[in-house]
């Protein structure tokens, strides 16, 4: 019998980590394995953001190492001890890469946070979660990364 596999894309932000609780609950309920993924942007995007000049392979290796260290820190948290997890880092466009990883690794469900952008910010930055939701051919669980309803100020 094949086990269910859940993909959790993370970008290192607290907002993205809001998906972890939901993924953990699902993984335990379904006895599913979890793949934690971080997508590193294309090298040319990284080079444009940095003042220093490094070889492309050095930049990729630094980014990959940092992302893998972060993902391994997440998967070794005490609450994850009973869940089979793996960490992977890929290079590319986030939405496209998430979908490619699902295909390559036989992922059944995607659990990810929305960053809660609305209006102009959403239009300008786009929404990785929205792109994945529209293009995925498997179950996608979106977790709102904004402030929980109980903590929002009354108007």
N, C-alpha and C. Protein backbone atom coordinates (compact mmCIF):
# COMPACT_ATOMS: atom_id res chain seq x y z
N UNK A 1 0.84 -1.19 0.00
CA UNK A 1 0.00 0.00 0.00
C UNK A 1 0.89 1.25 0.00
N UNK A 2 0.59 2.17 -0.88
CA UNK A 2 1.35 3.41 -0.93
C UNK A 2 0.84 4.39 0.10
N UNK A 3 1.76 5.09 0.73
CA UNK A 3 1.39 6.07 1.74
C UNK A 3 1.12 7.42 1.09
N UNK A 4 0.26 8.17 1.72
CA UNK A 4 -0.03 9.53 1.29
C UNK A 4 1.20 10.39 1.53
N UNK A 5 1.44 11.31 0.60
CA UNK A 5 2.57 12.24 0.72
C UNK A 5 2.04 13.67 0.65
N UNK A 6 2.50 14.48 1.57
CA UNK A 6 2.08 15.88 1.67
C UNK A 6 3.30 16.76 1.40
N UNK A 7 3.12 17.77 0.56
CA UNK A 7 4.17 18.74 0.30
C UNK A 7 3.86 20.03 1.04
N UNK A 8 4.86 20.56 1.74
CA UNK A 8 4.70 21.83 2.44
C UNK A 8 5.79 22.78 1.95
N UNK A 9 5.43 23.71 1.05
CA UNK A 9 6.40 24.71 0.58
C UNK A 9 6.61 25.77 1.66
N UNK A 10 7.86 26.07 1.96
CA UNK A 10 8.20 27.08 2.96
C UNK A 10 9.22 28.04 2.36
N UNK A 11 9.15 29.30 2.78
CA UNK A 11 10.12 30.27 2.28
C UNK A 11 10.97 30.86 3.40
N UNK A 12 10.84 30.29 4.59
CA UNK A 12 11.61 30.78 5.72
C UNK A 12 10.89 31.84 6.54
N UNK A 13 9.74 32.26 6.10
CA UNK A 13 9.01 33.31 6.82
C UNK A 13 8.04 32.71 7.83
N UNK A 14 7.76 33.46 8.90
CA UNK A 14 6.75 33.01 9.87
C UNK A 14 5.38 32.83 9.20
N UNK A 15 5.08 33.66 8.23
CA UNK A 15 3.79 33.54 7.53
C UNK A 15 3.67 32.18 6.84
N UNK A 16 4.72 31.75 6.16
CA UNK A 16 4.69 30.45 5.47
C UNK A 16 4.60 29.30 6.47
N UNK A 17 5.22 29.48 7.63
CA UNK A 17 5.20 28.43 8.65
C UNK A 17 3.82 28.21 9.26
N UNK A 18 2.90 29.11 9.01
CA UNK A 18 1.52 28.90 9.51
C UNK A 18 0.92 27.62 8.93
N UNK A 19 1.44 27.14 7.82
CA UNK A 19 0.94 25.90 7.20
C UNK A 19 1.41 24.65 7.94
N UNK A 20 2.44 24.78 8.77
CA UNK A 20 3.01 23.60 9.42
C UNK A 20 2.05 22.90 10.37
N UNK A 21 1.29 23.66 11.13
CA UNK A 21 0.35 23.05 12.07
C UNK A 21 -0.69 22.21 11.34
N UNK A 22 -1.24 22.75 10.27
CA UNK A 22 -2.24 22.03 9.47
C UNK A 22 -1.61 20.79 8.84
N UNK A 23 -0.41 20.93 8.31
CA UNK A 23 0.28 19.80 7.68
C UNK A 23 0.56 18.70 8.70
N UNK A 24 0.96 19.09 9.90
CA UNK A 24 1.24 18.11 10.95
C UNK A 24 -0.02 17.35 11.34
N UNK A 25 -1.12 18.07 11.50
CA UNK A 25 -2.39 17.44 11.84
C UNK A 25 -2.80 16.45 10.77
N UNK A 26 -2.71 16.85 9.50
CA UNK A 26 -3.05 15.96 8.39
C UNK A 26 -2.12 14.76 8.32
N UNK A 27 -0.83 14.99 8.48
CA UNK A 27 0.14 13.91 8.40
C UNK A 27 -0.13 12.85 9.46
N UNK A 28 -0.43 13.29 10.66
CA UNK A 28 -0.72 12.33 11.74
C UNK A 28 -2.03 11.60 11.48
N UNK A 29 -3.04 12.31 11.04
CA UNK A 29 -4.35 11.69 10.80
C UNK A 29 -4.28 10.69 9.64
N UNK A 30 -3.52 10.99 8.62
CA UNK A 30 -3.44 10.15 7.43
C UNK A 30 -2.23 9.20 7.45
N UNK A 31 -1.43 9.29 8.49
CA UNK A 31 -0.16 8.56 8.56
C UNK A 31 0.64 8.81 7.28
N UNK A 32 0.73 10.08 6.94
CA UNK A 32 1.36 10.50 5.69
C UNK A 32 2.80 10.95 5.92
N UNK A 33 3.59 10.83 4.88
CA UNK A 33 4.93 11.40 4.88
C UNK A 33 4.84 12.84 4.44
N UNK A 34 5.79 13.65 4.87
CA UNK A 34 5.78 15.07 4.54
C UNK A 34 7.10 15.44 3.88
N UNK A 35 6.98 16.16 2.76
CA UNK A 35 8.15 16.71 2.08
C UNK A 35 8.12 18.22 2.31
N UNK A 36 9.15 18.72 2.97
CA UNK A 36 9.30 20.16 3.17
C UNK A 36 10.13 20.68 2.01
N UNK A 37 9.63 21.71 1.35
CA UNK A 37 10.29 22.24 0.16
C UNK A 37 10.56 23.72 0.32
N UNK A 38 11.76 24.13 -0.07
CA UNK A 38 12.03 25.55 -0.23
C UNK A 38 12.53 25.75 -1.65
N UNK A 39 11.94 26.72 -2.33
CA UNK A 39 12.34 27.04 -3.70
C UNK A 39 13.22 28.27 -3.66
N UNK A 40 14.42 28.13 -4.19
CA UNK A 40 15.37 29.23 -4.28
C UNK A 40 15.13 29.92 -5.62
N UNK A 41 15.04 31.25 -5.62
CA UNK A 41 14.79 31.95 -6.89
C UNK A 41 15.93 31.74 -7.87
N UNK A 42 15.64 31.93 -9.16
CA UNK A 42 16.70 31.79 -10.17
C UNK A 42 17.90 32.66 -9.83
N UNK A 43 19.06 32.18 -10.18
CA UNK A 43 20.31 32.84 -9.83
C UNK A 43 20.36 34.30 -10.29
N UNK A 44 19.85 34.59 -11.47
CA UNK A 44 19.92 35.98 -11.95
C UNK A 44 19.14 36.93 -11.04
N UNK A 45 18.06 36.43 -10.40
CA UNK A 45 17.32 37.26 -9.44
C UNK A 45 18.16 37.50 -8.19
N UNK A 46 18.86 36.49 -7.76
CA UNK A 46 19.71 36.61 -6.57
C UNK A 46 20.84 37.60 -6.84
N UNK A 47 21.47 37.49 -8.00
CA UNK A 47 22.60 38.36 -8.32
C UNK A 47 22.18 39.83 -8.40
N UNK A 48 21.00 40.09 -8.89
CA UNK A 48 20.51 41.46 -8.99
C UNK A 48 20.33 42.07 -7.61
N UNK A 49 20.05 41.24 -6.61
CA UNK A 49 19.77 41.73 -5.27
C UNK A 49 21.05 41.93 -4.44
N UNK A 50 22.15 41.38 -4.86
CA UNK A 50 23.38 41.43 -4.06
C UNK A 50 24.36 42.44 -4.64
N UNK A 51 25.07 43.12 -3.75
CA UNK A 51 26.07 44.09 -4.19
C UNK A 51 27.37 43.40 -4.56
N UNK A 52 27.64 42.24 -3.94
CA UNK A 52 28.90 41.55 -4.22
C UNK A 52 28.77 40.67 -5.46
N UNK A 53 29.89 40.35 -6.04
CA UNK A 53 29.91 39.49 -7.21
C UNK A 53 30.44 38.12 -6.82
N UNK A 54 29.67 37.09 -7.09
CA UNK A 54 30.06 35.72 -6.81
C UNK A 54 29.76 34.88 -8.04
N UNK A 55 30.44 33.79 -8.16
CA UNK A 55 30.14 32.86 -9.25
C UNK A 55 28.74 32.31 -9.03
N UNK A 56 28.03 32.05 -10.12
CA UNK A 56 26.66 31.57 -10.03
C UNK A 56 26.56 30.30 -9.20
N UNK A 57 27.50 29.38 -9.38
CA UNK A 57 27.41 28.14 -8.61
C UNK A 57 27.66 28.36 -7.13
N UNK A 58 28.47 29.37 -6.78
CA UNK A 58 28.69 29.70 -5.36
C UNK A 58 27.41 30.25 -4.74
N UNK A 59 26.73 31.12 -5.47
CA UNK A 59 25.48 31.70 -4.97
C UNK A 59 24.45 30.60 -4.77
N UNK A 60 24.29 29.73 -5.77
CA UNK A 60 23.32 28.64 -5.66
C UNK A 60 23.66 27.76 -4.47
N UNK A 61 24.93 27.41 -4.29
CA UNK A 61 25.33 26.53 -3.19
C UNK A 61 25.06 27.19 -1.83
N UNK A 62 25.34 28.48 -1.71
CA UNK A 62 25.06 29.20 -0.46
C UNK A 62 23.56 29.21 -0.16
N UNK A 63 22.77 29.52 -1.18
CA UNK A 63 21.31 29.55 -1.01
C UNK A 63 20.78 28.16 -0.67
N UNK A 64 21.25 27.15 -1.36
CA UNK A 64 20.80 25.78 -1.13
C UNK A 64 21.15 25.33 0.29
N UNK A 65 22.38 25.60 0.70
CA UNK A 65 22.83 25.21 2.02
C UNK A 65 21.98 25.88 3.12
N UNK A 66 21.76 27.16 2.98
CA UNK A 66 20.97 27.91 3.95
C UNK A 66 19.53 27.37 4.01
N UNK A 67 18.94 27.14 2.85
CA UNK A 67 17.56 26.63 2.80
C UNK A 67 17.46 25.23 3.39
N UNK A 68 18.42 24.38 3.08
CA UNK A 68 18.41 23.02 3.61
C UNK A 68 18.59 23.01 5.12
N UNK A 69 19.44 23.86 5.61
CA UNK A 69 19.63 23.98 7.06
C UNK A 69 18.32 24.41 7.74
N UNK A 70 17.64 25.39 7.16
CA UNK A 70 16.35 25.84 7.69
C UNK A 70 15.33 24.70 7.70
N UNK A 71 15.19 24.00 6.58
CA UNK A 71 14.21 22.91 6.49
C UNK A 71 14.53 21.78 7.47
N UNK A 72 15.80 21.46 7.62
CA UNK A 72 16.18 20.41 8.57
C UNK A 72 15.90 20.84 10.01
N UNK A 73 16.05 22.13 10.30
CA UNK A 73 15.67 22.64 11.62
C UNK A 73 14.17 22.48 11.87
N UNK A 74 13.38 22.73 10.84
CA UNK A 74 11.93 22.56 10.98
C UNK A 74 11.59 21.10 11.23
N UNK A 75 12.15 20.20 10.45
CA UNK A 75 11.77 18.79 10.55
C UNK A 75 12.27 18.10 11.81
N UNK A 76 13.23 18.71 12.51
CA UNK A 76 13.71 18.12 13.75
C UNK A 76 13.05 18.74 14.99
N UNK A 77 12.05 19.58 14.79
CA UNK A 77 11.31 20.10 15.93
C UNK A 77 10.58 18.95 16.63
N UNK A 78 10.44 19.01 17.93
CA UNK A 78 9.85 17.89 18.69
C UNK A 78 8.49 17.42 18.17
N UNK A 79 7.65 18.32 17.76
CA UNK A 79 6.30 17.94 17.32
C UNK A 79 6.30 17.08 16.05
N UNK A 80 7.40 17.08 15.32
CA UNK A 80 7.50 16.32 14.07
C UNK A 80 8.15 14.95 14.25
N UNK A 81 8.50 14.56 15.48
CA UNK A 81 9.27 13.34 15.71
C UNK A 81 8.58 12.07 15.24
N UNK A 82 7.25 12.04 15.21
CA UNK A 82 6.53 10.83 14.80
C UNK A 82 6.11 10.83 13.33
N UNK A 83 6.58 11.82 12.58
CA UNK A 83 6.20 11.94 11.17
C UNK A 83 7.43 11.74 10.30
N UNK A 84 7.30 10.92 9.28
CA UNK A 84 8.40 10.73 8.33
C UNK A 84 8.47 11.99 7.46
N UNK A 85 9.61 12.66 7.52
CA UNK A 85 9.77 13.90 6.76
C UNK A 85 11.04 13.83 5.92
N UNK A 86 11.04 14.62 4.88
CA UNK A 86 12.26 14.84 4.10
C UNK A 86 12.29 16.30 3.70
N UNK A 87 13.48 16.79 3.46
CA UNK A 87 13.67 18.18 3.08
C UNK A 87 14.30 18.23 1.70
N UNK A 88 13.81 19.16 0.89
CA UNK A 88 14.38 19.32 -0.44
C UNK A 88 14.41 20.80 -0.80
N UNK A 89 15.43 21.16 -1.55
CA UNK A 89 15.60 22.53 -2.04
C UNK A 89 15.71 22.47 -3.55
N UNK A 90 14.94 23.30 -4.22
CA UNK A 90 14.94 23.34 -5.68
C UNK A 90 15.16 24.77 -6.14
N UNK A 91 15.66 24.91 -7.34
CA UNK A 91 15.88 26.21 -7.96
C UNK A 91 14.81 26.45 -9.00
N UNK A 92 14.18 27.63 -8.98
CA UNK A 92 13.21 27.95 -10.02
C UNK A 92 12.13 28.90 -9.58
N UNK A 93 11.14 29.05 -10.44
CA UNK A 93 9.96 29.83 -10.14
C UNK A 93 9.16 29.08 -9.08
N UNK A 94 8.77 29.73 -7.98
CA UNK A 94 8.12 29.00 -6.89
C UNK A 94 6.89 28.19 -7.30
N UNK A 95 5.92 28.79 -7.95
CA UNK A 95 4.69 28.06 -8.29
C UNK A 95 4.98 26.90 -9.23
N UNK A 96 5.74 27.16 -10.28
CA UNK A 96 6.06 26.10 -11.24
C UNK A 96 6.85 24.97 -10.59
N UNK A 97 7.79 25.33 -9.73
CA UNK A 97 8.63 24.33 -9.08
C UNK A 97 7.83 23.49 -8.10
N UNK A 98 6.93 24.10 -7.37
CA UNK A 98 6.06 23.34 -6.45
C UNK A 98 5.29 22.28 -7.23
N UNK A 99 4.72 22.67 -8.35
CA UNK A 99 3.94 21.73 -9.16
C UNK A 99 4.83 20.63 -9.75
N UNK A 100 6.04 20.98 -10.17
CA UNK A 100 6.98 19.99 -10.72
C UNK A 100 7.39 18.97 -9.65
N UNK A 101 7.66 19.45 -8.45
CA UNK A 101 8.05 18.56 -7.36
C UNK A 101 6.90 17.60 -7.04
N UNK A 102 5.68 18.10 -7.06
CA UNK A 102 4.52 17.23 -6.83
C UNK A 102 4.48 16.09 -7.83
N UNK A 103 4.70 16.43 -9.08
CA UNK A 103 4.67 15.43 -10.14
C UNK A 103 5.79 14.41 -9.98
N UNK A 104 7.01 14.90 -9.77
CA UNK A 104 8.18 14.03 -9.67
C UNK A 104 8.15 13.11 -8.44
N UNK A 105 7.60 13.62 -7.35
CA UNK A 105 7.68 12.88 -6.08
C UNK A 105 6.37 12.20 -5.68
N UNK A 106 5.36 12.23 -6.55
CA UNK A 106 4.11 11.56 -6.25
C UNK A 106 3.38 12.14 -5.04
N UNK A 107 3.34 13.45 -4.98
CA UNK A 107 2.68 14.14 -3.87
C UNK A 107 1.17 14.08 -4.04
N UNK A 108 0.46 13.80 -2.95
CA UNK A 108 -1.00 13.72 -2.98
C UNK A 108 -1.69 15.02 -2.59
N UNK A 109 -1.07 15.75 -1.65
CA UNK A 109 -1.67 16.98 -1.14
C UNK A 109 -0.59 18.04 -0.97
N UNK A 110 -1.00 19.28 -1.15
CA UNK A 110 -0.12 20.42 -0.91
C UNK A 110 -0.76 21.21 0.22
N UNK A 111 0.02 21.52 1.24
CA UNK A 111 -0.45 22.37 2.33
C UNK A 111 0.47 23.57 2.36
N UNK A 112 -0.10 24.75 2.12
CA UNK A 112 0.73 25.95 2.09
C UNK A 112 -0.04 27.15 2.60
N UNK A 113 0.71 28.13 3.05
CA UNK A 113 0.12 29.37 3.56
C UNK A 113 -0.01 30.39 2.44
N UNK A 114 -1.03 31.21 2.58
CA UNK A 114 -1.12 32.40 1.73
C UNK A 114 -0.48 33.52 2.54
N UNK A 115 0.15 34.44 1.88
CA UNK A 115 0.79 35.53 2.61
C UNK A 115 -0.18 36.64 2.94
N UNK A 116 -1.42 36.50 2.51
CA UNK A 116 -2.45 37.43 2.91
C UNK A 116 -2.41 38.77 2.21
N UNK A 117 -1.72 38.85 1.08
CA UNK A 117 -1.69 40.12 0.35
C UNK A 117 -3.05 40.33 -0.33
N UNK A 118 -3.45 41.57 -0.37
CA UNK A 118 -4.70 41.91 -1.05
C UNK A 118 -4.46 43.13 -1.93
N UNK A 119 -5.42 43.42 -2.76
CA UNK A 119 -5.39 44.63 -3.56
C UNK A 119 -4.18 44.75 -4.45
N UNK A 120 -3.55 45.93 -4.45
CA UNK A 120 -2.45 46.24 -5.34
C UNK A 120 -1.24 45.34 -5.07
N UNK A 121 -0.94 45.07 -3.79
CA UNK A 121 0.21 44.21 -3.48
C UNK A 121 0.05 42.84 -4.11
N UNK A 122 -1.17 42.28 -4.05
CA UNK A 122 -1.40 40.97 -4.63
C UNK A 122 -1.24 41.04 -6.15
N UNK A 123 -1.73 42.11 -6.75
CA UNK A 123 -1.64 42.27 -8.19
C UNK A 123 -0.19 42.42 -8.63
N UNK A 124 0.60 43.21 -7.88
CA UNK A 124 1.99 43.46 -8.24
C UNK A 124 2.84 42.21 -8.00
N UNK A 125 2.73 41.59 -6.83
CA UNK A 125 3.59 40.48 -6.48
C UNK A 125 3.07 39.14 -6.98
N UNK A 126 1.78 39.07 -7.30
CA UNK A 126 1.19 37.79 -7.66
C UNK A 126 1.05 36.94 -6.42
N UNK A 127 0.42 35.84 -6.57
CA UNK A 127 0.23 34.96 -5.42
C UNK A 127 0.67 33.56 -5.82
N UNK A 128 1.74 33.09 -5.21
CA UNK A 128 2.21 31.73 -5.48
C UNK A 128 1.10 30.75 -5.13
N UNK A 129 0.46 30.97 -3.98
CA UNK A 129 -0.61 30.07 -3.54
C UNK A 129 -1.74 30.03 -4.55
N UNK A 130 -2.11 31.18 -5.07
CA UNK A 130 -3.20 31.23 -6.06
C UNK A 130 -2.80 30.51 -7.34
N UNK A 131 -1.58 30.70 -7.79
CA UNK A 131 -1.11 30.03 -9.01
C UNK A 131 -1.11 28.51 -8.82
N UNK A 132 -0.63 28.05 -7.66
CA UNK A 132 -0.61 26.62 -7.37
C UNK A 132 -2.03 26.08 -7.31
N UNK A 133 -2.90 26.78 -6.61
CA UNK A 133 -4.30 26.36 -6.48
C UNK A 133 -4.96 26.20 -7.85
N UNK A 134 -4.75 27.16 -8.74
CA UNK A 134 -5.37 27.11 -10.07
C UNK A 134 -4.81 26.01 -10.96
N UNK A 135 -3.52 25.71 -10.80
CA UNK A 135 -2.87 24.77 -11.73
C UNK A 135 -2.75 23.33 -11.20
N UNK A 136 -2.90 23.15 -9.91
CA UNK A 136 -2.68 21.82 -9.32
C UNK A 136 -3.78 20.84 -9.71
N UNK A 137 -3.37 19.58 -9.87
CA UNK A 137 -4.33 18.52 -10.17
C UNK A 137 -4.46 17.58 -8.98
N UNK A 138 -4.22 18.13 -7.80
CA UNK A 138 -4.34 17.37 -6.55
C UNK A 138 -4.89 18.30 -5.48
N UNK A 139 -5.17 17.78 -4.31
CA UNK A 139 -5.75 18.58 -3.23
C UNK A 139 -4.75 19.63 -2.76
N UNK A 140 -5.24 20.86 -2.62
CA UNK A 140 -4.43 21.95 -2.10
C UNK A 140 -5.16 22.52 -0.88
N UNK A 141 -4.46 22.56 0.24
CA UNK A 141 -5.00 23.15 1.46
C UNK A 141 -4.27 24.46 1.69
N UNK A 142 -5.03 25.56 1.69
CA UNK A 142 -4.43 26.87 1.92
C UNK A 142 -4.73 27.33 3.33
N UNK A 143 -3.70 27.81 4.00
CA UNK A 143 -3.83 28.29 5.37
C UNK A 143 -3.56 29.79 5.33
N UNK A 144 -4.51 30.55 5.84
CA UNK A 144 -4.34 32.00 5.84
C UNK A 144 -3.23 32.38 6.81
N UNK A 145 -2.26 33.11 6.32
CA UNK A 145 -1.11 33.47 7.14
C UNK A 145 -1.31 34.77 7.89
N UNK A 146 -2.41 35.46 7.62
CA UNK A 146 -2.67 36.72 8.31
C UNK A 146 -2.96 36.49 9.78
N UNK A 147 -3.21 37.56 10.46
CA UNK A 147 -3.50 37.52 11.88
C UNK A 147 -4.76 36.70 12.14
N UNK A 148 -4.74 35.78 13.10
CA UNK A 148 -5.94 35.00 13.40
C UNK A 148 -7.11 35.90 13.75
N UNK A 149 -8.30 35.47 13.40
CA UNK A 149 -9.52 36.24 13.62
C UNK A 149 -9.64 36.70 15.07
N UNK A 150 -9.28 35.84 16.01
CA UNK A 150 -9.42 36.17 17.43
C UNK A 150 -8.48 37.29 17.87
N UNK A 151 -7.41 37.56 17.09
CA UNK A 151 -6.45 38.59 17.47
C UNK A 151 -6.62 39.88 16.68
N UNK A 152 -7.57 39.93 15.79
CA UNK A 152 -7.78 41.13 14.99
C UNK A 152 -8.49 42.19 15.82
N UNK A 153 -8.09 43.43 15.66
CA UNK A 153 -8.75 44.51 16.43
C UNK A 153 -10.19 44.67 15.97
N UNK A 154 -11.04 45.03 16.91
CA UNK A 154 -12.45 45.30 16.58
C UNK A 154 -12.55 46.64 15.90
N UNK A 155 -13.49 46.75 14.97
CA UNK A 155 -13.67 48.01 14.26
C UNK A 155 -14.96 48.67 14.65
